């Protein structure tokens, strides 16, 4: 039944009182901060933002199901999940079937906060996730000629609230504290306290009043309410509402099915809990529920690896639940192994590349010391080489045809008996499916010319210098420091004008890069390589050993000789790449 809506404020009050709840079939909150801002901008402009779908659950039936609350203070690492409410008895409820993302966005913006990882910060850093609140700049007047957003919403640190230069940031959640009727005097008092001139007071008042009207006065929350108590009908409604668009992935629906299929464990909390634990490993590979579900299908030898409804039968889900602890342990061991290689989210963008490795470890019983014990040293070397080659390939090894490929690779590993990682057999099967890990001459030349910033540069360096990568922290260092390649310094070093661009282009390429332990790199900094070797190596033998391990050759003392040095080292590295990438 279609219902005329109430206000956004009233919807938030229903969430706070647990009148609105989320059924277990709902997914997690997935919106980004900019999506939340765009939603509030649409509301301010009076645009429709979609009808909601509610399920009215009678009091006598409420205790039969598992319910979840809406996220309020979202933290991408520590608090990304909808909190479980536990059993609710003898109270009628309204379960949200369609509109969770929008209602959660309102809940965060008007009652809570959002903490998203900053770029270039480690996942486990204490300062990587600053807490921010939604704010509206009251001094940015709407521009009727501007397309798209007209109001300036932004998630900001608390200390930015208030007047900042030409901006007046108002904490959006504070709008809920103004009276619904006649809020003008309170608004004017708030603005007057800031100390604006009369013209800017008028601008701020108009914007603040519009926010209050949109959130607290206008009845914009329209919805359709389903009153049937038949859960099968409700599930079908949910699937129809959510499977037509791209925002809700098919795997989300399959996870919803798994939630209802497991008999003892809570599938939702187990899957998301494992995702959280894997993401807290230093590598920070950004796993999600899709990866865990696909891993479950692959590791338990269910007919195929694909996300198909027929793979999520009660029988198959029983197998998944029965083996869950082994699956969980295997995936954690796999992440620890990849982390021991020094790889992270900048290196591995296709996490599905880890599934054959996980299946191999599953067959071996996921030994807890696999990534550290000397008895697995050769196995780790082979796994690392195979994984690195798949990363270095520009073509989409882990793109189209993924499910068929993973199923075929699983068969190869299973047939090998799990005694040693069958890298050669895997490469043959991959080549048969157009996913070759062999490198032709042009690809080898491209690798030898790779630039700093390419996501493949770190795994390439670790393949070239496996003994030099440090789990405690390795940096990619310039042999000749980048600071020496400014046009002015090159001219001072008597580099010809027509050679300066070539020098600068070569600076960030592979032949001028090396792997160094982070502490050593901090020590070296902008020192020329020959001078650093003089101070770092106590004698000629130590100097020669260092240069051999890093394929440095004879290092010149002045940057004027860099071009010849670069060409010589590039050829040396190119030859080693050719030997390694096509090795059996």
Protein backbone atom coordinates (compact mmCIF):
# COMPACT_ATOMS: atom_id res chain seq x y z
CA UNK A 1 0.00 0.00 0.00
CA UNK A 2 1.38 3.40 -0.98
CA UNK A 3 1.68 5.94 1.81
CA UNK A 4 2.23 9.66 1.73
CA UNK A 5 5.44 10.43 3.49
CA UNK A 6 6.49 12.06 6.69
CA UNK A 7 9.59 14.16 7.23
CA UNK A 8 13.20 13.01 7.23
CA UNK A 9 13.40 14.02 10.89
CA UNK A 10 10.46 11.73 11.72
CA UNK A 11 12.15 8.85 9.82
CA UNK A 12 15.32 9.39 11.87
CA UNK A 13 13.27 9.36 15.09
CA UNK A 14 11.80 6.01 14.03
CA UNK A 15 15.32 4.66 13.51
CA UNK A 16 16.39 5.94 16.92
CA UNK A 17 13.43 4.26 18.61
CA UNK A 18 14.00 1.05 16.60
CA UNK A 19 10.69 1.37 14.88
CA UNK A 20 12.58 1.05 11.57
CA UNK A 21 14.93 -1.95 11.45
CA UNK A 22 16.89 -3.92 8.86
CA UNK A 23 16.20 -7.60 8.07
CA UNK A 24 19.12 -10.04 7.89
CA UNK A 25 18.82 -10.19 4.11
CA UNK A 26 19.99 -6.59 3.81
CA UNK A 27 23.58 -5.85 2.81
CA UNK A 28 26.02 -3.51 4.50
CA UNK A 29 26.22 0.24 4.02
CA UNK A 30 28.34 0.86 0.91
CA UNK A 31 27.94 4.53 0.03
CA UNK A 32 30.91 6.85 -0.20
CA UNK A 33 30.96 10.32 1.44
CA UNK A 34 30.29 12.09 -1.87
CA UNK A 35 27.11 10.02 -2.36
CA UNK A 36 25.85 11.12 1.04
CA UNK A 37 26.58 14.75 0.17
CA UNK A 38 24.78 14.42 -3.17
CA UNK A 39 21.70 12.97 -1.44
CA UNK A 40 21.49 15.93 0.95
CA UNK A 41 21.97 18.33 -1.95
CA UNK A 42 19.06 16.69 -3.80
CA UNK A 43 16.87 17.04 -0.71
CA UNK A 44 17.80 20.72 -0.38
CA UNK A 45 16.92 21.34 -4.02
CA UNK A 46 13.57 19.63 -3.60
CA UNK A 47 14.37 16.78 -5.97
CA UNK A 48 12.61 13.44 -5.44
CA UNK A 49 15.01 10.85 -4.04
CA UNK A 50 13.01 7.67 -4.48
CA UNK A 51 10.23 5.78 -2.77
CA UNK A 52 11.00 3.41 0.09
CA UNK A 53 9.79 -0.17 0.46
CA UNK A 54 8.77 -1.17 3.99
CA UNK A 55 7.57 -4.46 5.45
CA UNK A 56 5.18 -4.19 8.36
CA UNK A 57 5.91 -7.04 10.80
CA UNK A 58 3.25 -7.74 13.40
CA UNK A 59 4.26 -7.94 17.05
CA UNK A 60 3.58 -11.67 17.33
CA UNK A 61 5.96 -12.40 14.40
CA UNK A 62 8.80 -10.01 15.27
CA UNK A 63 10.63 -12.53 17.45
CA UNK A 64 10.97 -15.06 14.62
CA UNK A 65 13.63 -13.13 12.73
CA UNK A 66 17.07 -11.58 13.23
CA UNK A 67 17.09 -7.78 13.06
CA UNK A 68 19.82 -5.20 12.57
CA UNK A 69 20.13 -1.51 13.36
CA UNK A 70 21.26 1.24 10.99
CA UNK A 71 24.90 2.33 11.04
CA UNK A 72 25.27 5.67 12.80
CA UNK A 73 28.98 6.35 13.36
CA UNK A 74 30.48 4.69 10.30
CA UNK A 75 34.16 3.68 10.49
CA UNK A 76 35.47 1.96 7.36
CA UNK A 77 37.76 -0.33 9.37
CA UNK A 78 36.40 -0.55 12.91
CA UNK A 79 32.65 -0.06 12.54
CA UNK A 80 31.43 -0.72 8.98
CA UNK A 81 28.65 -3.18 9.80
CA UNK A 82 25.04 -2.88 10.81
CA UNK A 83 24.85 -3.74 14.53
CA UNK A 84 22.70 -6.73 15.42
CA UNK A 85 19.72 -5.87 17.61
CA UNK A 86 19.04 -9.34 18.91
CA UNK A 87 15.53 -10.76 19.30
CA UNK A 88 12.70 -8.25 19.49
CA UNK A 89 9.48 -9.60 20.97
CA UNK A 90 5.93 -8.29 21.20
CA UNK A 91 6.60 -5.11 19.28
CA UNK A 92 5.42 -4.27 15.76
CA UNK A 93 8.30 -3.36 13.46
CA UNK A 94 8.87 -1.75 10.09
CA UNK A 95 11.61 -3.58 8.21
CA UNK A 96 13.27 -1.70 5.34
CA UNK A 97 13.37 -3.73 2.13
CA UNK A 98 14.42 -0.93 -0.21
CA UNK A 99 16.04 2.34 0.83
CA UNK A 100 18.61 1.19 3.39
CA UNK A 101 21.46 3.16 1.80
CA UNK A 102 19.46 6.40 1.72
CA UNK A 103 18.16 6.04 5.28
CA UNK A 104 21.63 5.15 6.57
CA UNK A 105 23.05 8.19 4.77
CA UNK A 106 20.47 10.36 6.57
CA UNK A 107 21.29 8.62 9.85
CA UNK A 108 25.02 9.28 9.48
CA UNK A 109 24.56 12.85 8.30
CA UNK A 110 21.95 13.84 10.89
CA UNK A 111 22.92 11.72 13.89
CA UNK A 112 26.46 10.40 13.43
CA UNK A 113 29.80 10.60 11.66
CA UNK A 114 31.93 8.99 8.95
CA UNK A 115 35.56 7.82 9.05
CA UNK A 116 37.08 6.83 5.68
CA UNK A 117 40.72 5.83 5.16
CA UNK A 118 42.97 8.62 3.97
CA UNK A 119 44.99 7.98 0.78
CA UNK A 120 48.56 6.72 1.25
CA UNK A 121 47.98 5.75 4.88
CA UNK A 122 48.50 2.22 6.18
CA UNK A 123 45.26 0.40 6.94
CA UNK A 124 46.32 -0.23 10.55
CA UNK A 125 47.61 3.31 11.23
CA UNK A 126 45.91 5.05 14.15
CA UNK A 127 45.52 8.29 12.17
CA UNK A 128 44.35 6.74 8.89
CA UNK A 129 40.63 7.14 9.64
CA UNK A 130 39.82 10.65 10.95
CA UNK A 131 36.29 11.05 12.32
CA UNK A 132 34.33 13.57 10.27
CA UNK A 133 30.82 15.02 10.48
CA UNK A 134 28.58 16.26 7.69
CA UNK A 135 28.65 20.04 7.37
CA UNK A 136 26.93 22.59 5.12
CA UNK A 137 28.62 25.81 4.05
CA UNK A 138 26.01 28.46 4.81
CA UNK A 139 27.92 31.16 2.93
CA UNK A 140 27.98 29.37 -0.43
CA UNK A 141 24.81 30.77 -2.07
CA UNK A 142 22.95 28.49 -4.49
CA UNK A 143 23.76 29.16 -8.12
CA UNK A 144 20.60 28.64 -10.23
CA UNK A 145 22.71 28.44 -13.40
CA UNK A 146 24.98 25.68 -12.12
CA UNK A 147 24.18 22.12 -13.17
CA UNK A 148 24.18 19.37 -10.55
CA UNK A 149 25.06 20.28 -6.97
CA UNK A 150 24.03 23.74 -5.75
CA UNK A 151 24.70 23.42 -2.03
CA UNK A 152 28.12 22.72 -0.57
CA UNK A 153 28.04 19.69 1.75
CA UNK A 154 31.25 18.13 3.00
CA UNK A 155 32.45 15.73 5.70
CA UNK A 156 34.81 17.79 7.85
CA UNK A 157 36.78 17.48 11.08
CA UNK A 158 34.95 18.86 14.12
CA UNK A 159 37.44 21.70 14.47
CA UNK A 160 36.37 23.11 11.10
CA UNK A 161 32.80 23.79 12.27
CA UNK A 162 32.14 27.52 12.39
CA UNK A 163 33.48 30.49 10.43
CA UNK A 164 36.60 29.65 8.44
CA UNK A 165 37.73 32.41 6.08
CA UNK A 166 34.89 32.77 3.56
CA UNK A 167 33.11 29.59 4.73
CA UNK A 168 30.62 29.13 7.53
CA UNK A 169 30.43 25.40 8.23
CA UNK A 170 27.24 24.31 10.00
CA UNK A 171 27.10 20.82 11.54
CA UNK A 172 24.10 19.33 9.73
CA UNK A 173 23.04 17.22 12.72
CA UNK A 174 22.41 20.42 14.71
CA UNK A 175 19.38 21.18 12.52
CA UNK A 176 17.51 18.50 14.48
CA UNK A 177 17.77 20.62 17.65
CA UNK A 178 15.86 23.57 16.22
CA UNK A 179 12.08 23.59 16.92
CA UNK A 180 9.90 22.37 14.09
CA UNK A 181 7.56 25.34 14.47
CA UNK A 182 8.95 28.88 14.20
CA UNK A 183 12.69 28.05 14.23
CA UNK A 184 13.62 31.50 12.88
CA UNK A 185 14.59 33.19 16.16
CA UNK A 186 16.89 30.33 17.19
CA UNK A 187 18.50 30.27 13.76
CA UNK A 188 19.05 34.02 13.79
CA UNK A 189 20.60 33.83 17.27
CA UNK A 190 23.03 31.13 16.09
CA UNK A 191 24.06 33.13 13.02
CA UNK A 192 24.34 36.39 14.98
CA UNK A 193 26.81 34.79 17.39
CA UNK A 194 29.20 34.14 14.49
CA UNK A 195 29.79 37.85 13.84
CA UNK A 196 28.86 38.27 10.16
CA UNK A 197 27.94 41.44 8.33
CA UNK A 198 24.27 41.89 7.46
CA UNK A 199 24.54 40.67 3.86
CA UNK A 200 26.30 37.44 4.79
CA UNK A 201 23.82 36.95 7.64
CA UNK A 202 20.98 36.99 5.09
CA UNK A 203 22.79 34.44 2.88
CA UNK A 204 23.47 32.14 5.83
CA UNK A 205 19.91 32.45 7.17
CA UNK A 206 18.36 31.56 3.79
CA UNK A 207 20.50 28.43 3.46
CA UNK A 208 19.97 27.33 7.07
CA UNK A 209 16.23 27.88 6.83
CA UNK A 210 16.12 25.82 3.62
CA UNK A 211 17.95 22.97 5.36
CA UNK A 212 15.44 23.05 8.23
CA UNK A 213 12.51 23.06 5.82
CA UNK A 214 13.89 20.09 3.87
CA UNK A 215 14.71 17.97 6.94
CA UNK A 216 12.10 18.92 9.54
CA UNK A 217 9.04 20.25 7.69
CA UNK A 218 8.59 18.89 4.16
CA UNK A 219 6.83 15.46 4.04
CA UNK A 220 9.24 13.94 1.52
CA UNK A 221 9.47 10.33 2.77
CA UNK A 222 7.08 8.41 0.53
CA UNK A 223 6.91 4.64 0.76
CA UNK A 224 5.13 1.44 -0.16
CA UNK A 225 4.23 -0.79 2.77
CA UNK A 226 3.93 -4.57 2.47
CA UNK A 227 1.79 -6.08 5.23
CA UNK A 228 1.96 -9.75 4.29
CA UNK A 229 3.52 -11.99 6.98
CA UNK A 230 4.59 -14.57 4.35
CA UNK A 231 8.40 -14.41 4.43
CA UNK A 232 8.74 -16.08 1.01
CA UNK A 233 6.67 -13.32 -0.56
CA UNK A 234 8.75 -10.72 1.25
CA UNK A 235 12.03 -12.29 0.04
CA UNK A 236 10.76 -12.24 -3.53
CA UNK A 237 9.80 -8.59 -3.16
CA UNK A 238 13.26 -7.83 -1.79
CA UNK A 239 15.01 -9.57 -4.68
CA UNK A 240 12.83 -7.83 -7.25
CA UNK A 241 13.48 -4.45 -5.64
CA UNK A 242 17.22 -4.90 -5.46
CA UNK A 243 18.39 -7.11 -8.34
CA UNK A 244 17.37 -4.77 -11.15
CA UNK A 245 20.06 -2.16 -10.59
CA UNK A 246 23.81 -2.33 -10.30
CA UNK A 247 24.28 -0.96 -6.76
CA UNK A 248 23.31 -4.27 -5.13
CA UNK A 249 25.55 -7.01 -6.51
CA UNK A 250 24.29 -10.50 -7.14
CA UNK A 251 26.64 -11.83 -4.49
CA UNK A 252 24.87 -9.63 -1.93
CA UNK A 253 21.65 -11.45 -2.70
CA UNK A 254 23.43 -14.80 -2.48
CA UNK A 255 24.88 -13.85 0.91
CA UNK A 256 21.33 -13.06 1.96
CA UNK A 257 20.35 -16.58 0.95
CA UNK A 258 23.32 -18.02 2.84
CA UNK A 259 22.22 -16.16 5.96
CA UNK A 260 18.98 -18.07 5.97
CA UNK A 261 20.61 -21.41 5.04
CA UNK A 262 23.18 -21.81 7.84
CA UNK A 263 21.82 -23.74 10.79
CA UNK A 264 24.21 -23.00 13.67
CA UNK A 265 26.51 -20.11 12.80
CA UNK A 266 25.41 -16.61 11.86
CA UNK A 267 26.62 -16.45 8.25
CA UNK A 268 26.40 -12.68 8.05
CA UNK A 269 28.53 -11.97 11.11
CA UNK A 270 30.99 -14.79 10.29
CA UNK A 271 31.60 -13.60 6.73
CA UNK A 272 31.88 -9.93 7.60
CA UNK A 273 33.96 -10.69 10.67
CA UNK A 274 36.44 -12.62 8.54
CA UNK A 275 36.56 -9.77 6.01
CA UNK A 276 37.40 -7.36 8.83
CA UNK A 277 40.13 -9.62 10.18
CA UNK A 278 41.75 -10.10 6.77
CA UNK A 279 41.67 -6.37 6.10
CA UNK A 280 43.46 -5.66 9.38
CA UNK A 281 46.54 -7.53 8.20
CA UNK A 282 49.19 -4.99 7.26
CA UNK A 283 48.83 -5.67 3.52
CA UNK A 284 45.38 -4.02 3.58
CA UNK A 285 44.16 -5.76 0.42
CA UNK A 286 40.56 -4.51 0.76
CA UNK A 287 38.76 -7.85 0.72
CA UNK A 288 34.97 -8.02 0.68
CA UNK A 289 32.18 -10.55 1.15
CA UNK A 290 32.32 -11.45 -2.56
CA UNK A 291 35.86 -12.77 -2.13
CA UNK A 292 34.96 -14.84 0.95
CA UNK A 293 31.89 -16.38 -0.72
CA UNK A 294 33.84 -17.25 -3.87
CA UNK A 295 36.64 -18.70 -1.73
CA UNK A 296 34.09 -20.84 0.12
CA UNK A 297 32.80 -22.25 -3.16
CA UNK A 298 36.31 -22.92 -4.44
CA UNK A 299 37.83 -24.45 -1.32
CA UNK A 300 34.95 -26.84 -0.61
CA UNK A 301 34.90 -28.21 -4.20
CA UNK A 302 31.29 -27.23 -4.82
CA UNK A 303 30.48 -28.01 -8.47
CA UNK A 304 31.71 -24.67 -9.89
CA UNK A 305 33.14 -21.45 -8.51
CA UNK A 306 30.48 -19.21 -10.07
CA UNK A 307 27.92 -17.06 -8.26
CA UNK A 308 24.91 -19.12 -9.33
CA UNK A 309 21.74 -19.73 -7.36
CA UNK A 310 22.13 -23.50 -7.81
CA UNK A 311 25.44 -23.35 -5.93
CA UNK A 312 23.70 -21.88 -2.88
CA UNK A 313 21.42 -24.79 -2.07
CA UNK A 314 20.83 -25.81 1.53
CA UNK A 315 23.05 -28.87 0.95
CA UNK A 316 25.96 -26.79 -0.33
CA UNK A 317 25.56 -24.21 2.40
CA UNK A 318 25.68 -27.03 4.95
CA UNK A 319 29.06 -28.05 3.49
CA UNK A 320 30.24 -24.46 3.70
CA UNK A 321 29.13 -24.14 7.31
CA UNK A 322 30.67 -27.48 8.29
CA UNK A 323 34.07 -26.47 6.88
CA UNK A 324 33.88 -22.84 7.89
CA UNK A 325 36.65 -22.86 10.50
CA UNK A 326 39.09 -24.49 8.06
CA UNK A 327 38.08 -22.02 5.33
CA UNK A 328 38.55 -19.15 7.73
CA UNK A 329 41.99 -20.32 8.86
CA UNK A 330 43.10 -20.89 5.26
CA UNK A 331 42.12 -17.43 4.11
CA UNK A 332 43.90 -15.81 7.04
CA UNK A 333 47.04 -17.87 6.30
CA UNK A 334 46.82 -16.82 2.63
CA UNK A 335 46.68 -13.14 3.54
CA UNK A 336 49.61 -13.55 5.95
CA UNK A 337 51.60 -15.26 3.18
CA UNK A 338 50.96 -12.44 0.70
CA UNK A 339 51.83 -9.91 3.40
CA UNK A 340 55.13 -11.75 3.98
CA UNK A 341 55.91 -11.11 0.30
CA UNK A 342 55.57 -7.38 1.03
CA UNK A 343 52.61 -7.03 -1.36
CA UNK A 344 49.73 -4.69 -0.54
CA UNK A 345 46.66 -3.12 -2.16
CA UNK A 346 48.89 -1.00 -4.42
CA UNK A 347 50.40 -4.21 -5.80
CA UNK A 348 47.47 -6.64 -5.89
CA UNK A 349 44.33 -5.11 -7.33
CA UNK A 350 42.67 -8.42 -8.26
CA UNK A 351 42.31 -10.32 -4.99
CA UNK A 352 40.87 -13.29 -6.90
CA UNK A 353 44.46 -14.07 -7.93
CA UNK A 354 44.92 -15.39 -4.37
CA UNK A 355 42.19 -18.05 -4.65
CA UNK A 356 44.37 -20.77 -6.28
CA UNK A 357 46.96 -20.18 -3.54
CA UNK A 358 44.24 -20.44 -0.89
CA UNK A 359 42.97 -23.70 -2.39
CA UNK A 360 46.50 -25.14 -2.36
CA UNK A 361 46.95 -24.19 1.32
CA UNK A 362 43.52 -25.66 2.09
CA UNK A 363 44.61 -29.03 0.67
CA UNK A 364 47.78 -28.84 2.79
CA UNK A 365 45.75 -28.16 5.91
CA UNK A 366 46.69 -24.46 6.06
CA UNK A 367 49.88 -24.96 8.12
CA UNK A 368 50.20 -22.06 10.54
CA UNK A 369 53.93 -21.67 9.95
CA UNK A 370 53.77 -21.78 6.15
CA UNK A 371 54.92 -18.19 5.67
CA UNK A 372 57.86 -18.52 8.08
CA UNK A 373 59.12 -22.11 8.20
CA UNK A 374 62.25 -23.08 6.24
CA UNK A 375 60.62 -26.39 5.24
CA UNK A 376 58.25 -24.45 2.96
CA UNK A 377 60.93 -22.15 1.54
CA UNK A 378 60.91 -23.61 -1.99
CA UNK A 379 57.11 -23.73 -2.02
CA UNK A 380 56.89 -20.05 -1.09
CA UNK A 381 59.43 -19.15 -3.78
CA UNK A 382 57.38 -20.94 -6.47
CA UNK A 383 54.09 -19.41 -5.27
CA UNK A 384 55.61 -15.96 -5.19
CA UNK A 385 56.99 -16.32 -8.71
CA UNK A 386 53.66 -17.51 -10.09
CA UNK A 387 51.72 -14.73 -8.37
CA UNK A 388 54.20 -12.06 -9.43
CA UNK A 389 53.99 -13.11 -13.07
CA UNK A 390 50.21 -12.82 -12.97
CA UNK A 391 50.58 -9.31 -11.51
CA UNK A 392 53.14 -8.22 -14.10
CA UNK A 393 50.89 -9.17 -17.00
CA UNK A 394 49.07 -6.08 -18.31
CA UNK A 395 46.33 -8.19 -19.89
CA UNK A 396 43.41 -9.11 -17.65
CA UNK A 397 44.43 -12.50 -16.26
CA UNK A 398 41.79 -12.24 -13.54
CA UNK A 399 39.09 -10.48 -15.56
CA UNK A 400 36.70 -12.09 -18.04
CA UNK A 401 36.11 -15.83 -17.78
CA UNK A 402 37.23 -15.81 -14.16
CA UNK A 403 34.89 -18.49 -12.82
CA UNK A 404 35.78 -20.96 -15.57
CA UNK A 405 39.48 -20.27 -15.07
CA UNK A 406 39.33 -20.72 -11.30
CA UNK A 407 37.43 -23.99 -11.66
CA UNK A 408 40.08 -25.29 -14.08
CA UNK A 409 42.95 -24.20 -11.82
CA UNK A 410 41.29 -25.88 -8.87
CA UNK A 411 41.22 -29.15 -10.81
CA UNK A 412 44.94 -28.87 -11.61
CA UNK A 413 45.86 -28.25 -7.97
CA UNK A 414 43.59 -31.05 -6.74
CA UNK A 415 45.09 -33.51 -9.23
CA UNK A 416 48.60 -32.55 -8.11
CA UNK A 417 47.85 -33.92 -4.66
CA UNK A 418 48.89 -30.76 -2.84
CA UNK A 419 52.50 -31.87 -2.27
CA UNK A 420 54.06 -28.92 -4.13
CA UNK A 421 52.52 -25.86 -5.72
CA UNK A 422 52.04 -26.89 -9.41
CA UNK A 423 53.07 -23.60 -11.02
CA UNK A 424 54.12 -25.13 -14.36
CA UNK A 425 50.86 -27.07 -14.76
CA UNK A 426 48.87 -23.96 -13.84
CA UNK A 427 50.71 -21.93 -16.47
CA UNK A 428 49.91 -24.52 -19.16
CA UNK A 429 46.20 -24.51 -18.32
CA UNK A 430 46.13 -20.72 -18.21
CA UNK A 431 47.82 -20.49 -21.61
CA UNK A 432 45.23 -22.87 -23.09
CA UNK A 433 42.54 -20.38 -22.01
CA UNK A 434 44.30 -17.35 -23.45
CA UNK A 435 45.70 -16.28 -20.05
CA UNK A 436 49.35 -16.94 -20.74
CA UNK A 437 52.01 -16.06 -18.18
CA UNK A 438 54.75 -16.20 -20.82
CA UNK A 439 56.34 -12.89 -21.78
CA UNK A 440 57.32 -11.97 -25.35
CA UNK A 441 60.24 -9.70 -26.22
CA UNK A 442 58.16 -6.52 -26.35
CA UNK A 443 56.72 -7.17 -22.87
CA UNK A 444 60.20 -7.75 -21.43
CA UNK A 445 61.40 -4.46 -22.90
CA UNK A 446 58.38 -2.69 -21.42
CA UNK A 447 59.14 -4.15 -17.99
CA UNK A 448 62.74 -2.96 -18.26
CA UNK A 449 61.45 0.56 -18.93
CA UNK A 450 58.84 0.59 -16.16
CA UNK A 451 58.36 3.86 -14.31
CA UNK A 452 57.96 4.58 -10.62
CA UNK A 453 54.23 4.80 -9.88
CA UNK A 454 53.30 1.75 -11.93
CA UNK A 455 51.53 -0.66 -9.54
CA UNK A 456 53.75 -3.47 -10.88
CA UNK A 457 57.06 -1.82 -9.97
CA UNK A 458 57.26 -3.22 -6.43
CA UNK A 459 56.51 -6.87 -7.35
CA UNK A 460 58.94 -6.60 -10.27
CA UNK A 461 61.70 -5.38 -7.94
CA UNK A 462 60.94 -8.13 -5.42
CA UNK A 463 61.18 -10.71 -8.21
CA UNK A 464 64.51 -9.26 -9.32
CA UNK A 465 65.83 -8.98 -5.76
CA UNK A 466 63.95 -11.47 -3.57
CA UNK A 467 66.54 -11.41 -0.78
CA UNK A 468 66.37 -7.63 -0.45
CA UNK A 469 62.64 -7.20 0.29
CA UNK A 470 62.00 -6.76 4.01
CA UNK A 471 58.68 -7.57 5.65
CA UNK A 472 59.42 -4.90 8.23
CA UNK A 473 59.35 -2.30 5.50
CA UNK A 474 61.06 -1.83 2.17
CA UNK A 475 61.19 1.35 0.13
CA UNK A 476 61.75 1.87 -3.55
CA UNK A 477 64.84 4.06 -3.66
CA UNK A 478 66.49 6.04 -6.46
CA UNK A 479 70.09 4.97 -7.05
CA UNK A 480 70.90 8.51 -8.15
CA UNK A 481 68.67 10.74 -5.99
CA UNK A 482 65.71 12.38 -7.69
CA UNK A 483 66.68 15.74 -6.17
CA UNK A 484 69.73 15.78 -8.47
CA UNK A 485 67.56 15.79 -11.62
CA UNK A 486 66.10 19.29 -11.51
CA UNK A 487 66.90 21.33 -14.64
CA UNK A 488 68.95 23.82 -12.65
CA UNK A 489 71.07 21.16 -10.91
CA UNK A 490 71.63 19.27 -14.16
CA UNK A 491 72.84 22.47 -15.83
CA UNK A 492 75.15 23.11 -12.88
CA UNK A 493 76.52 19.55 -13.35
CA UNK A 494 77.38 20.50 -16.98
CA UNK A 495 74.70 18.34 -18.60
CA UNK A 496 74.07 19.49 -22.18
CA UNK A 497 70.75 21.25 -22.77
CA UNK A 498 69.62 18.62 -25.29
CA UNK A 499 70.25 15.82 -22.74
CA UNK A 500 68.38 17.25 -19.77
CA UNK A 501 64.96 15.83 -20.70
CA UNK A 502 66.45 12.37 -21.29
CA UNK A 503 68.12 12.48 -17.87
CA UNK A 504 64.88 13.53 -16.21
CA UNK A 505 62.90 10.84 -18.02
CA UNK A 506 65.34 8.12 -16.93
CA UNK A 507 65.34 9.26 -13.30
CA UNK A 508 62.11 7.41 -12.33
CA UNK A 509 62.62 4.34 -14.51
CA UNK A 510 63.59 0.86 -13.35
CA UNK A 511 67.32 1.16 -14.08
CA UNK A 512 67.61 3.99 -11.53
CA UNK A 513 65.59 2.20 -8.84
CA UNK A 514 66.43 -0.32 -6.14
CA UNK A 515 64.87 -1.87 -3.04
CA UNK A 516 66.21 -0.74 0.31
CA UNK A 517 65.28 -1.49 3.87
CA UNK A 518 63.28 1.51 5.08
CA UNK A 519 65.81 2.45 7.76
CA UNK A 520 68.68 2.27 5.25
CA UNK A 521 66.74 4.40 2.77
CA UNK A 522 66.13 7.05 5.43
CA UNK A 523 69.89 7.09 6.03
CA UNK A 524 70.79 7.33 2.35
CA UNK A 525 68.30 10.04 1.28
CA UNK A 526 69.85 12.46 -1.25
CA UNK A 527 73.43 11.18 -1.09
CA UNK A 528 75.06 10.26 -4.39
CA UNK A 529 75.47 6.45 -4.63
CA UNK A 530 79.27 6.40 -4.79
CA UNK A 531 79.55 8.66 -1.72
CA UNK A 532 77.02 6.56 0.17
CA UNK A 533 78.92 3.36 -0.68
CA UNK A 534 82.12 4.94 0.62
CA UNK A 535 80.47 5.55 3.98
CA UNK A 536 78.35 2.39 4.11
CA UNK A 537 80.81 -0.29 2.97
CA UNK A 538 83.89 -0.78 5.18
CA UNK A 539 86.09 -2.33 2.46
CA UNK A 540 86.25 -3.18 -1.25
CA UNK A 541 84.85 -6.68 -0.70
CA UNK A 542 81.74 -5.35 1.09
CA UNK A 543 81.28 -2.71 -1.61
CA UNK A 544 81.49 -5.30 -4.38
CA UNK A 545 79.05 -7.61 -2.58
CA UNK A 546 76.54 -4.79 -2.18
CA UNK A 547 76.80 -3.76 -5.85
CA UNK A 548 76.44 -7.37 -7.02
CA UNK A 549 73.33 -7.98 -4.91
CA UNK A 550 71.68 -4.82 -6.28
CA UNK A 551 72.98 -5.29 -9.84
CA UNK A 552 74.53 -1.84 -9.59
CA UNK A 553 77.76 -2.55 -11.44
CA UNK A 554 80.40 0.18 -11.40
CA UNK A 555 78.72 3.24 -9.91
CA UNK A 556 80.05 6.56 -11.25
CA UNK A 557 80.92 9.37 -8.88
CA UNK A 558 79.33 12.20 -10.86
CA UNK A 559 75.88 12.52 -12.38
CA UNK A 560 77.42 13.54 -15.70
CA UNK A 561 78.18 9.83 -16.28
CA UNK A 562 74.59 8.80 -15.45
CA UNK A 563 73.42 8.17 -19.04
CA UNK A 564 76.04 5.50 -19.78
CA UNK A 565 75.51 3.97 -16.35
CA UNK A 566 71.74 3.88 -16.90
CA UNK A 567 72.03 2.07 -20.25
CA UNK A 568 74.41 -0.52 -18.81
CA UNK A 569 72.27 -1.27 -15.75
CA UNK A 570 69.08 -1.33 -17.84
CA UNK A 571 70.54 -4.07 -20.04
CA UNK A 572 71.64 -6.01 -16.96
CA UNK A 573 68.15 -5.79 -15.45
CA UNK A 574 66.50 -6.60 -18.77
CA UNK A 575 68.51 -9.82 -19.04
CA UNK A 576 67.58 -10.87 -15.51
CA UNK A 577 63.89 -10.12 -16.19
CA UNK A 578 64.01 -12.29 -19.31
CA UNK A 579 65.55 -15.16 -17.32
CA UNK A 580 63.00 -14.90 -14.50
CA UNK A 581 59.61 -14.28 -16.10
CA UNK A 582 59.81 -17.23 -18.47
CA UNK A 583 61.58 -19.63 -16.12
CA UNK A 584 59.90 -23.01 -15.71
